[in-house]
């Protein structure tokens, strides 16, 4: 009797059908699929930091606030080249320099 109460797999297998109805799995799969489609971004031919679910624009904007416009532009030009796509205040901005 003690061994049966300690058997974790028996407890989990009896708990799963009670907790998760059959329709929950397809709904979760659909939500994951929609989340992936929503966060999908076409790859741009213009070099620059990636979007990565909104983290790229936050980092780009923070770099401009922290370093200033001139130093941040120099950093991005050294890293990505003469024509760079960055985000400032949530808007896509192009830096063109030589």
PDB file of N, CA and C in Angstrom:
ATOM      1  N   UNK A   1       0.815  -1.191   0.000  1.00  0.00           N
ATOM      2  CA  UNK A   1       0.000   0.000   0.000  1.00  0.00           C
ATOM      3  C   UNK A   1       0.863   1.261   0.000  1.00  0.00           C
ATOM      4  N   UNK A   2       1.955   1.227   0.737  1.00  0.00           N
ATOM      5  CA  UNK A   2       2.853   2.380   0.787  1.00  0.00           C
ATOM      6  C   UNK A   2       3.507   2.596  -0.565  1.00  0.00           C
ATOM      7  N   UNK A   3       3.876   1.489  -1.238  1.00  0.00           N
ATOM      8  CA  UNK A   3       4.498   1.628  -2.552  1.00  0.00           C
ATOM      9  C   UNK A   3       3.526   2.214  -3.577  1.00  0.00           C
ATOM     10  N   UNK A   4       2.276   1.884  -3.485  1.00  0.00           N
ATOM     11  CA  UNK A   4       1.294   2.441  -4.416  1.00  0.00           C
ATOM     12  C   UNK A   4       1.103   3.940  -4.218  1.00  0.00           C
ATOM     13  N   UNK A   5       1.181   4.401  -2.991  1.00  0.00           N
ATOM     14  CA  UNK A   5       1.028   5.834  -2.751  1.00  0.00           C
ATOM     15  C   UNK A   5       2.268   6.603  -3.185  1.00  0.00           C
ATOM     16  N   UNK A   6       3.413   5.945  -3.214  1.00  0.00           N
ATOM     17  CA  UNK A   6       4.648   6.605  -3.642  1.00  0.00           C
ATOM     18  C   UNK A   6       4.876   6.523  -5.145  1.00  0.00           C
ATOM     19  N   UNK A   7       4.078   5.758  -5.834  1.00  0.00           N
ATOM     20  CA  UNK A   7       4.239   5.598  -7.270  1.00  0.00           C
ATOM     21  C   UNK A   7       3.760   6.875  -7.972  1.00  0.00           C
ATOM     22  N   UNK A   8       4.698   7.702  -8.412  1.00  0.00           N
ATOM     23  CA  UNK A   8       4.390   9.003  -8.998  1.00  0.00           C
ATOM     24  C   UNK A   8       3.743   8.880 -10.373  1.00  0.00           C
ATOM     25  N   UNK A   9       4.193   7.919 -11.175  1.00  0.00           N
ATOM     26  CA  UNK A   9       3.642   7.780 -12.525  1.00  0.00           C
ATOM     27  C   UNK A   9       2.150   7.424 -12.490  1.00  0.00           C
ATOM     28  N   UNK A  10       1.772   6.578 -11.567  1.00  0.00           N
ATOM     29  CA  UNK A  10       0.360   6.227 -11.463  1.00  0.00           C
ATOM     30  C   UNK A  10      -0.468   7.450 -11.076  1.00  0.00           C
ATOM     31  N   UNK A  11       0.083   8.275 -10.203  1.00  0.00           N
ATOM     32  CA  UNK A  11      -0.614   9.491  -9.795  1.00  0.00           C
ATOM     33  C   UNK A  11      -0.754  10.454 -10.965  1.00  0.00           C
ATOM     34  N   UNK A  12       0.347  10.640 -11.737  1.00  0.00           N
ATOM     35  CA  UNK A  12       0.304  11.580 -12.860  1.00  0.00           C
ATOM     36  C   UNK A  12      -0.623  11.104 -13.963  1.00  0.00           C
ATOM     37  N   UNK A  13      -0.588   9.815 -14.283  1.00  0.00           N
ATOM     38  CA  UNK A  13      -1.445   9.325 -15.361  1.00  0.00           C
ATOM     39  C   UNK A  13      -2.916   9.383 -14.985  1.00  0.00           C
ATOM     40  N   UNK A  14      -3.212   9.277 -13.728  1.00  0.00           N
ATOM     41  CA  UNK A  14      -4.618   9.400 -13.330  1.00  0.00           C
ATOM     42  C   UNK A  14      -5.046  10.860 -13.240  1.00  0.00           C
ATOM     43  N   UNK A  15      -4.084  11.765 -13.069  1.00  0.00           N
ATOM     44  CA  UNK A  15      -4.398  13.184 -12.907  1.00  0.00           C
ATOM     45  C   UNK A  15      -4.573  13.900 -14.242  1.00  0.00           C
ATOM     46  N   UNK A  16      -3.798  13.512 -15.254  1.00  0.00           N
ATOM     47  CA  UNK A  16      -3.795  14.227 -16.534  1.00  0.00           C
ATOM     48  C   UNK A  16      -5.161  14.242 -17.208  1.00  0.00           C
ATOM     49  N   UNK A  17      -5.877  13.129 -17.340  1.00  0.00           N
ATOM     50  CA  UNK A  17      -7.198  13.219 -17.989  1.00  0.00           C
ATOM     51  C   UNK A  17      -8.191  14.079 -17.215  1.00  0.00           C
ATOM     52  N   UNK A  18      -8.052  14.133 -15.914  1.00  0.00           N
ATOM     53  CA  UNK A  18      -8.969  14.951 -15.134  1.00  0.00           C
ATOM     54  C   UNK A  18      -8.680  16.435 -15.300  1.00  0.00           C
ATOM     55  N   UNK A  19      -7.413  16.779 -15.416  1.00  0.00           N
ATOM     56  CA  UNK A  19      -7.021  18.182 -15.458  1.00  0.00           C
ATOM     57  C   UNK A  19      -7.130  18.754 -16.859  1.00  0.00           C
ATOM     58  N   UNK A  20      -6.690  18.014 -17.878  1.00  0.00           N
ATOM     59  CA  UNK A  20      -6.622  18.548 -19.228  1.00  0.00           C
ATOM     60  C   UNK A  20      -7.642  17.865 -20.131  1.00  0.00           C
ATOM     61  N   UNK A  21      -8.694  18.562 -20.518  1.00  0.00           N
ATOM     62  CA  UNK A  21      -9.665  17.964 -21.442  1.00  0.00           C
ATOM     63  C   UNK A  21      -9.033  17.729 -22.820  1.00  0.00           C
ATOM     64  N   UNK A  22      -9.698  16.948 -23.601  1.00  0.00           N
ATOM     65  CA  UNK A  22      -9.176  16.559 -24.910  1.00  0.00           C
ATOM     66  C   UNK A  22      -9.013  17.768 -25.827  1.00  0.00           C
ATOM     67  N   UNK A  23      -9.862  18.751 -25.729  1.00  0.00           N
ATOM     68  CA  UNK A  23      -9.814  19.908 -26.624  1.00  0.00           C
ATOM     69  C   UNK A  23      -8.686  20.879 -26.273  1.00  0.00           C
ATOM     70  N   UNK A  24      -8.077  20.739 -25.127  1.00  0.00           N
ATOM     71  CA  UNK A  24      -7.049  21.686 -24.712  1.00  0.00           C
ATOM     72  C   UNK A  24      -5.784  21.562 -25.557  1.00  0.00           C
ATOM     73  N   UNK A  25      -5.397  20.361 -25.909  1.00  0.00           N
ATOM     74  CA  UNK A  25      -4.171  20.151 -26.680  1.00  0.00           C
ATOM     75  C   UNK A  25      -4.245  20.824 -28.050  1.00  0.00           C
ATOM     76  N   UNK A  26      -5.296  20.630 -28.842  1.00  0.00           N
ATOM     77  CA  UNK A  26      -5.357  21.349 -30.127  1.00  0.00           C
ATOM     78  C   UNK A  26      -5.397  22.868 -29.965  1.00  0.00           C
ATOM     79  N   UNK A  27      -6.055  23.337 -28.925  1.00  0.00           N
ATOM     80  CA  UNK A  27      -6.102  24.784 -28.700  1.00  0.00           C
ATOM     81  C   UNK A  27      -4.723  25.327 -28.371  1.00  0.00           C
ATOM     82  N   UNK A  28      -3.977  24.609 -27.532  1.00  0.00           N
ATOM     83  CA  UNK A  28      -2.607  25.039 -27.217  1.00  0.00           C
ATOM     84  C   UNK A  28      -1.710  25.007 -28.445  1.00  0.00           C
ATOM     85  N   UNK A  29      -1.844  23.974 -29.270  1.00  0.00           N
ATOM     86  CA  UNK A  29      -1.058  23.913 -30.506  1.00  0.00           C
ATOM     87  C   UNK A  29      -1.409  25.058 -31.451  1.00  0.00           C
ATOM     88  N   UNK A  30      -2.685  25.371 -31.567  1.00  0.00           N
ATOM     89  CA  UNK A  30      -3.116  26.483 -32.416  1.00  0.00           C
ATOM     90  C   UNK A  30      -2.562  27.808 -31.895  1.00  0.00           C
ATOM     91  N   UNK A  31      -2.594  28.002 -30.589  1.00  0.00           N
ATOM     92  CA  UNK A  31      -2.064  29.240 -30.017  1.00  0.00           C
ATOM     93  C   UNK A  31      -0.559  29.365 -30.261  1.00  0.00           C
ATOM     94  N   UNK A  32       0.176  28.272 -30.115  1.00  0.00           N
ATOM     95  CA  UNK A  32       1.617  28.300 -30.393  1.00  0.00           C
ATOM     96  C   UNK A  32       1.882  28.628 -31.854  1.00  0.00           C
ATOM     97  N   UNK A  33       1.105  28.027 -32.753  1.00  0.00           N
ATOM     98  CA  UNK A  33       1.259  28.296 -34.177  1.00  0.00           C
ATOM     99  C   UNK A  33       0.971  29.756 -34.508  1.00  0.00           C
ATOM    100  N   UNK A  34      -0.104  30.301 -33.954  1.00  0.00           N
ATOM    101  CA  UNK A  34      -0.433  31.710 -34.191  1.00  0.00           C
ATOM    102  C   UNK A  34       0.623  32.639 -33.607  1.00  0.00           C
ATOM    103  N   UNK A  35       1.184  32.293 -32.456  1.00  0.00           N
ATOM    104  CA  UNK A  35       2.250  33.096 -31.859  1.00  0.00           C
ATOM    105  C   UNK A  35       3.484  33.111 -32.754  1.00  0.00           C
ATOM    106  N   UNK A  36       3.820  31.967 -33.342  1.00  0.00           N
ATOM    107  CA  UNK A  36       4.970  31.915 -34.249  1.00  0.00           C
ATOM    108  C   UNK A  36       4.724  32.744 -35.507  1.00  0.00           C
ATOM    109  N   UNK A  37       3.521  32.674 -36.054  1.00  0.00           N
ATOM    110  CA  UNK A  37       3.197  33.471 -37.246  1.00  0.00           C
ATOM    111  C   UNK A  37       3.222  34.962 -36.912  1.00  0.00           C
ATOM    112  N   UNK A  38       2.705  35.321 -35.757  1.00  0.00           N
ATOM    113  CA  UNK A  38       2.648  36.728 -35.360  1.00  0.00           C
ATOM    114  C   UNK A  38       4.048  37.309 -35.182  1.00  0.00           C
ATOM    115  N   UNK A  39       4.979  36.530 -34.680  1.00  0.00           N
ATOM    116  CA  UNK A  39       6.335  37.017 -34.436  1.00  0.00           C
ATOM    117  C   UNK A  39       7.282  36.787 -35.609  1.00  0.00           C
ATOM    118  N   UNK A  40       6.789  36.187 -36.667  1.00  0.00           N
ATOM    119  CA  UNK A  40       7.649  35.943 -37.828  1.00  0.00           C
ATOM    120  C   UNK A  40       7.935  37.256 -38.544  1.00  0.00           C
ATOM    121  N   UNK A  41       9.182  37.424 -38.915  1.00  0.00           N
ATOM    122  CA  UNK A  41       9.565  38.642 -39.626  1.00  0.00           C
ATOM    123  C   UNK A  41      10.325  38.250 -40.881  1.00  0.00           C
ATOM    124  N   UNK A  42       9.995  38.905 -41.945  1.00  0.00           N
ATOM    125  CA  UNK A  42      10.736  38.682 -43.178  1.00  0.00           C
ATOM    126  C   UNK A  42      12.158  39.193 -42.986  1.00  0.00           C
ATOM    127  N   UNK A  43      13.118  38.455 -43.494  1.00  0.00           N
ATOM    128  CA  UNK A  43      14.496  38.915 -43.366  1.00  0.00           C
ATOM    129  C   UNK A  43      14.718  40.074 -44.322  1.00  0.00           C
ATOM    130  N   UNK A  44      15.323  41.103 -43.829  1.00  0.00           N
ATOM    131  CA  UNK A  44      15.542  42.307 -44.610  1.00  0.00           C
ATOM    132  C   UNK A  44      16.895  42.224 -45.302  1.00  0.00           C
ATOM    133  N   UNK A  45      16.984  42.821 -46.476  1.00  0.00           N
ATOM    134  CA  UNK A  45      18.264  42.862 -47.170  1.00  0.00           C
ATOM    135  C   UNK A  45      19.146  43.978 -46.629  1.00  0.00           C
ATOM    136  N   UNK A  46      18.582  44.844 -45.795  1.00  0.00           N
ATOM    137  CA  UNK A  46      19.344  45.939 -45.204  1.00  0.00           C
ATOM    138  C   UNK A  46      19.956  45.447 -43.898  1.00  0.00           C
ATOM    139  N   UNK A  47      21.264  45.594 -43.726  1.00  0.00           N
ATOM    140  CA  UNK A  47      21.889  45.102 -42.497  1.00  0.00           C
ATOM    141  C   UNK A  47      21.488  45.944 -41.290  1.00  0.00           C
ATOM    142  N   UNK A  48      21.571  45.330 -40.137  1.00  0.00           N
ATOM    143  CA  UNK A  48      21.246  46.010 -38.893  1.00  0.00           C
ATOM    144  C   UNK A  48      20.881  45.006 -37.838  1.00  0.00           C
ATOM    145  N   UNK A  49      20.630  45.462 -36.634  1.00  0.00           N
ATOM    146  CA  UNK A  49      20.248  44.531 -35.573  1.00  0.00           C
ATOM    147  C   UNK A  49      18.906  43.877 -35.873  1.00  0.00           C
ATOM    148  N   UNK A  50      18.758  42.621 -35.478  1.00  0.00           N
ATOM    149  CA  UNK A  50      17.528  41.876 -35.724  1.00  0.00           C
ATOM    150  C   UNK A  50      16.374  42.368 -34.872  1.00  0.00           C
ATOM    151  N   UNK A  51      15.171  42.001 -35.281  1.00  0.00           N
ATOM    152  CA  UNK A  51      13.973  42.433 -34.554  1.00  0.00           C
ATOM    153  C   UNK A  51      13.766  41.596 -33.293  1.00  0.00           C
ATOM    154  N   UNK A  52      13.809  40.290 -33.411  1.00  0.00           N
ATOM    155  CA  UNK A  52      13.771  39.344 -32.295  1.00  0.00           C
ATOM    156  C   UNK A  52      12.652  39.660 -31.298  1.00  0.00           C
ATOM    157  N   UNK A  53      11.412  39.626 -31.762  1.00  0.00           N
ATOM    158  CA  UNK A  53      10.217  39.837 -30.929  1.00  0.00           C
ATOM    159  C   UNK A  53      10.234  41.159 -30.173  1.00  0.00           C
ATOM    160  N   UNK A  54      10.769  42.197 -30.781  1.00  0.00           N
ATOM    161  CA  UNK A  54      10.739  43.525 -30.170  1.00  0.00           C
ATOM    162  C   UNK A  54      11.930  43.851 -29.294  1.00  0.00           C
ATOM    163  N   UNK A  55      12.816  42.892 -29.068  1.00  0.00           N
ATOM    164  CA  UNK A  55      13.985  43.159 -28.226  1.00  0.00           C
ATOM    165  C   UNK A  55      15.005  43.986 -28.989  1.00  0.00           C
ATOM    166  N   UNK A  56      15.159  43.749 -30.286  1.00  0.00           N
ATOM    167  CA  UNK A  56      16.102  44.511 -31.109  1.00  0.00           C
ATOM    168  C   UNK A  56      15.841  46.006 -31.084  1.00  0.00           C
ATOM    169  N   UNK A  57      14.584  46.438 -31.299  1.00  0.00           N
ATOM    170  CA  UNK A  57      14.306  47.874 -31.218  1.00  0.00           C
ATOM    171  C   UNK A  57      14.569  48.462 -29.839  1.00  0.00           C
ATOM    172  N   UNK A  58      14.289  47.714 -28.786  1.00  0.00           N
ATOM    173  CA  UNK A  58      14.570  48.224 -27.439  1.00  0.00           C
ATOM    174  C   UNK A  58      16.067  48.425 -27.217  1.00  0.00           C
ATOM    175  N   UNK A  59      16.863  47.467 -27.654  1.00  0.00           N
ATOM    176  CA  UNK A  59      18.316  47.586 -27.495  1.00  0.00           C
ATOM    177  C   UNK A  59      18.850  48.721 -28.347  1.00  0.00           C
ATOM    178  N   UNK A  60      18.353  48.829 -29.578  1.00  0.00           N
ATOM    179  CA  UNK A  60      18.796  49.897 -30.474  1.00  0.00           C
ATOM    180  C   UNK A  60      18.472  51.272 -29.893  1.00  0.00           C
ATOM    181  N   UNK A  61      17.258  51.437 -29.412  1.00  0.00           N
ATOM    182  CA  UNK A  61      16.846  52.723 -28.838  1.00  0.00           C
ATOM    183  C   UNK A  61      17.651  53.035 -27.571  1.00  0.00           C
ATOM    184  N   UNK A  62      17.880  52.016 -26.744  1.00  0.00           N
ATOM    185  CA  UNK A  62      18.662  52.216 -25.521  1.00  0.00           C
ATOM    186  C   UNK A  62      20.093  52.614 -25.843  1.00  0.00           C
ATOM    187  N   UNK A  63      20.657  52.037 -26.906  1.00  0.00           N
ATOM    188  CA  UNK A  63      22.021  52.409 -27.297  1.00  0.00           C
ATOM    189  C   UNK A  63      22.086  53.867 -27.720  1.00  0.00           C
ATOM    190  N   UNK A  64      21.077  54.354 -28.450  1.00  0.00           N
ATOM    191  CA  UNK A  64      21.072  55.761 -28.855  1.00  0.00           C
ATOM    192  C   UNK A  64      20.910  56.681 -27.649  1.00  0.00           C
ATOM    193  N   UNK A  65      20.083  56.283 -26.678  1.00  0.00           N
ATOM    194  CA  UNK A  65      19.938  57.104 -25.480  1.00  0.00           C
ATOM    195  C   UNK A  65      21.208  57.109 -24.640  1.00  0.00           C
ATOM    196  N   UNK A  66      21.855  55.954 -24.541  1.00  0.00           N
ATOM    197  CA  UNK A  66      23.015  55.806 -23.674  1.00  0.00           C
ATOM    198  C   UNK A  66      24.268  56.435 -24.285  1.00  0.00           C
ATOM    199  N   UNK A  67      24.531  56.176 -25.570  1.00  0.00           N
ATOM    200  CA  UNK A  67      25.762  56.622 -26.210  1.00  0.00           C
ATOM    201  C   UNK A  67      25.633  57.978 -26.886  1.00  0.00           C
ATOM    202  N   UNK A  68      24.435  58.398 -27.180  1.00  0.00           N
ATOM    203  CA  UNK A  68      24.255  59.602 -27.973  1.00  0.00           C
ATOM    204  C   UNK A  68      24.177  59.238 -29.442  1.00  0.00           C
ATOM    205  N   UNK A  69      23.654  60.144 -30.222  1.00  0.00           N
ATOM    206  CA  UNK A  69      23.411  59.852 -31.635  1.00  0.00           C
ATOM    207  C   UNK A  69      24.715  59.621 -32.394  1.00  0.00           C
ATOM    208  N   UNK A  70      25.697  60.483 -32.202  1.00  0.00           N
ATOM    209  CA  UNK A  70      26.948  60.373 -32.947  1.00  0.00           C
ATOM    210  C   UNK A  70      27.697  59.083 -32.665  1.00  0.00           C
ATOM    211  N   UNK A  71      27.895  58.761 -31.399  1.00  0.00           N
ATOM    212  CA  UNK A  71      28.633  57.542 -31.052  1.00  0.00           C
ATOM    213  C   UNK A  71      27.862  56.281 -31.444  1.00  0.00           C
ATOM    214  N   UNK A  72      26.552  56.291 -31.276  1.00  0.00           N
ATOM    215  CA  UNK A  72      25.752  55.125 -31.662  1.00  0.00           C
ATOM    216  C   UNK A  72      25.802  54.920 -33.177  1.00  0.00           C
ATOM    217  N   UNK A  73      25.728  56.001 -33.942  1.00  0.00           N
ATOM    218  CA  UNK A  73      25.835  55.882 -35.402  1.00  0.00           C
ATOM    219  C   UNK A  73      27.190  55.324 -35.801  1.00  0.00           C
ATOM    220  N   UNK A  74      28.254  55.814 -35.168  1.00  0.00           N
ATOM    221  CA  UNK A  74      29.585  55.287 -35.460  1.00  0.00           C
ATOM    222  C   UNK A  74      29.680  53.806 -35.122  1.00  0.00           C
ATOM    223  N   UNK A  75      29.095  53.407 -33.981  1.00  0.00           N
ATOM    224  CA  UNK A  75      29.113  51.987 -33.596  1.00  0.00           C
ATOM    225  C   UNK A  75      28.408  51.133 -34.645  1.00  0.00           C
ATOM    226  N   UNK A  76      27.201  51.532 -35.055  1.00  0.00           N
ATOM    227  CA  UNK A  76      26.451  50.741 -36.020  1.00  0.00           C
ATOM    228  C   UNK A  76      27.137  50.733 -37.386  1.00  0.00           C
ATOM    229  N   UNK A  77      27.770  51.830 -37.771  1.00  0.00           N
ATOM    230  CA  UNK A  77      28.474  51.857 -39.053  1.00  0.00           C
ATOM    231  C   UNK A  77      29.695  50.951 -39.029  1.00  0.00           C
ATOM    232  N   UNK A  78      30.398  50.900 -37.912  1.00  0.00           N
ATOM    233  CA  UNK A  78      31.543  49.988 -37.813  1.00  0.00           C
ATOM    234  C   UNK A  78      31.076  48.539 -37.804  1.00  0.00           C
ATOM    235  N   UNK A  79      29.943  48.283 -37.177  1.00  0.00           N
ATOM    236  CA  UNK A  79      29.461  46.913 -37.046  1.00  0.00           C
ATOM    237  C   UNK A  79      28.795  46.401 -38.321  1.00  0.00           C
ATOM    238  N   UNK A  80      27.964  47.211 -38.970  1.00  0.00           N
ATOM    239  CA  UNK A  80      27.137  46.730 -40.078  1.00  0.00           C
ATOM    240  C   UNK A  80      27.477  47.344 -41.435  1.00  0.00           C
ATOM    241  N   UNK A  81      28.215  48.432 -41.488  1.00  0.00           N
ATOM    242  CA  UNK A  81      28.550  49.042 -42.764  1.00  0.00           C
ATOM    243  C   UNK A  81      27.950  50.433 -42.927  1.00  0.00           C
ATOM    244  N   UNK A  82      27.962  50.940 -44.180  1.00  0.00           N
ATOM    245  CA  UNK A  82      27.563  52.320 -44.452  1.00  0.00           C
ATOM    246  C   UNK A  82      26.055  52.546 -44.380  1.00  0.00           C
ATOM    247  N   UNK A  83      25.272  51.549 -44.668  1.00  0.00           N
ATOM    248  CA  UNK A  83      23.814  51.677 -44.713  1.00  0.00           C
ATOM    249  C   UNK A  83      23.226  50.712 -43.694  1.00  0.00           C
ATOM    250  N   UNK A  84      22.620  51.256 -42.629  1.00  0.00           N
ATOM    251  CA  UNK A  84      22.177  50.437 -41.498  1.00  0.00           C
ATOM    252  C   UNK A  84      20.729  50.756 -41.163  1.00  0.00           C
ATOM    253  N   UNK A  85      19.980  49.715 -40.778  1.00  0.00           N
ATOM    254  CA  UNK A  85      18.610  49.876 -40.308  1.00  0.00           C
ATOM    255  C   UNK A  85      18.601  49.713 -38.787  1.00  0.00           C
ATOM    256  N   UNK A  86      18.115  50.717 -38.062  1.00  0.00           N
ATOM    257  CA  UNK A  86      17.981  50.661 -36.601  1.00  0.00           C
ATOM    258  C   UNK A  86      16.591  51.169 -36.237  1.00  0.00           C
ATOM    259  N   UNK A  87      16.268  51.097 -34.963  1.00  0.00           N
ATOM    260  CA  UNK A  87      14.985  51.604 -34.485  1.00  0.00           C
ATOM    261  C   UNK A  87      15.247  52.702 -33.459  1.00  0.00           C
ATOM    262  N   UNK A  88      14.624  53.842 -33.664  1.00  0.00           N
ATOM    263  CA  UNK A  88      14.693  54.941 -32.702  1.00  0.00           C
ATOM    264  C   UNK A  88      13.250  55.297 -32.359  1.00  0.00           C
ATOM    265  N   UNK A  89      12.913  55.251 -31.085  1.00  0.00           N
ATOM    266  CA  UNK A  89      11.548  55.491 -30.589  1.00  0.00           C
ATOM    267  C   UNK A  89      10.526  54.580 -31.258  1.00  0.00           C
ATOM    268  N   UNK A  90      10.901  53.347 -31.542  1.00  0.00           N
ATOM    269  CA  UNK A  90       9.995  52.384 -32.118  1.00  0.00           C
ATOM    270  C   UNK A  90       9.789  52.506 -33.622  1.00  0.00           C
ATOM    271  N   UNK A  91      10.466  53.461 -34.248  1.00  0.00           N
ATOM    272  CA  UNK A  91      10.323  53.654 -35.692  1.00  0.00           C
ATOM    273  C   UNK A  91      11.595  53.182 -36.396  1.00  0.00           C
ATOM    274  N   UNK A  92      11.397  52.515 -37.512  1.00  0.00           N
ATOM    275  CA  UNK A  92      12.538  52.033 -38.284  1.00  0.00           C
ATOM    276  C   UNK A  92      13.257  53.248 -38.883  1.00  0.00           C
ATOM    277  N   UNK A  93      14.563  53.326 -38.643  1.00  0.00           N
ATOM    278  CA  UNK A  93      15.363  54.466 -39.090  1.00  0.00           C
ATOM    279  C   UNK A  93      16.569  53.954 -39.848  1.00  0.00           C
ATOM    280  N   UNK A  94      16.924  54.620 -40.924  1.00  0.00           N
ATOM    281  CA  UNK A  94      18.078  54.227 -41.719  1.00  0.00           C
ATOM    282  C   UNK A  94      19.220  55.209 -41.480  1.00  0.00           C
ATOM    283  N   UNK A  95      20.404  54.672 -41.249  1.00  0.00           N
ATOM    284  CA  UNK A  95      21.602  55.500 -41.060  1.00  0.00           C
ATOM    285  C   UNK A  95      22.442  55.301 -42.317  1.00  0.00           C
ATOM    286  N   UNK A  96      22.690  56.400 -43.009  1.00  0.00           N
ATOM    287  CA  UNK A  96      23.504  56.369 -44.223  1.00  0.00           C
ATOM    288  C   UNK A  96      24.715  57.238 -43.977  1.00  0.00           C
ATOM    289  N   UNK A  97      25.891  56.644 -44.062  1.00  0.00           N
ATOM    290  CA  UNK A  97      27.110  57.435 -43.844  1.00  0.00           C
ATOM    291  C   UNK A  97      28.253  56.821 -44.615  1.00  0.00           C
ATOM    292  N   UNK A  98      29.311  57.562 -44.677  1.00  0.00           N
ATOM    293  CA  UNK A  98      30.490  57.053 -45.380  1.00  0.00           C
ATOM    294  C   UNK A  98      31.718  57.450 -44.619  1.00  0.00           C
TER     295      UNK A  98
END
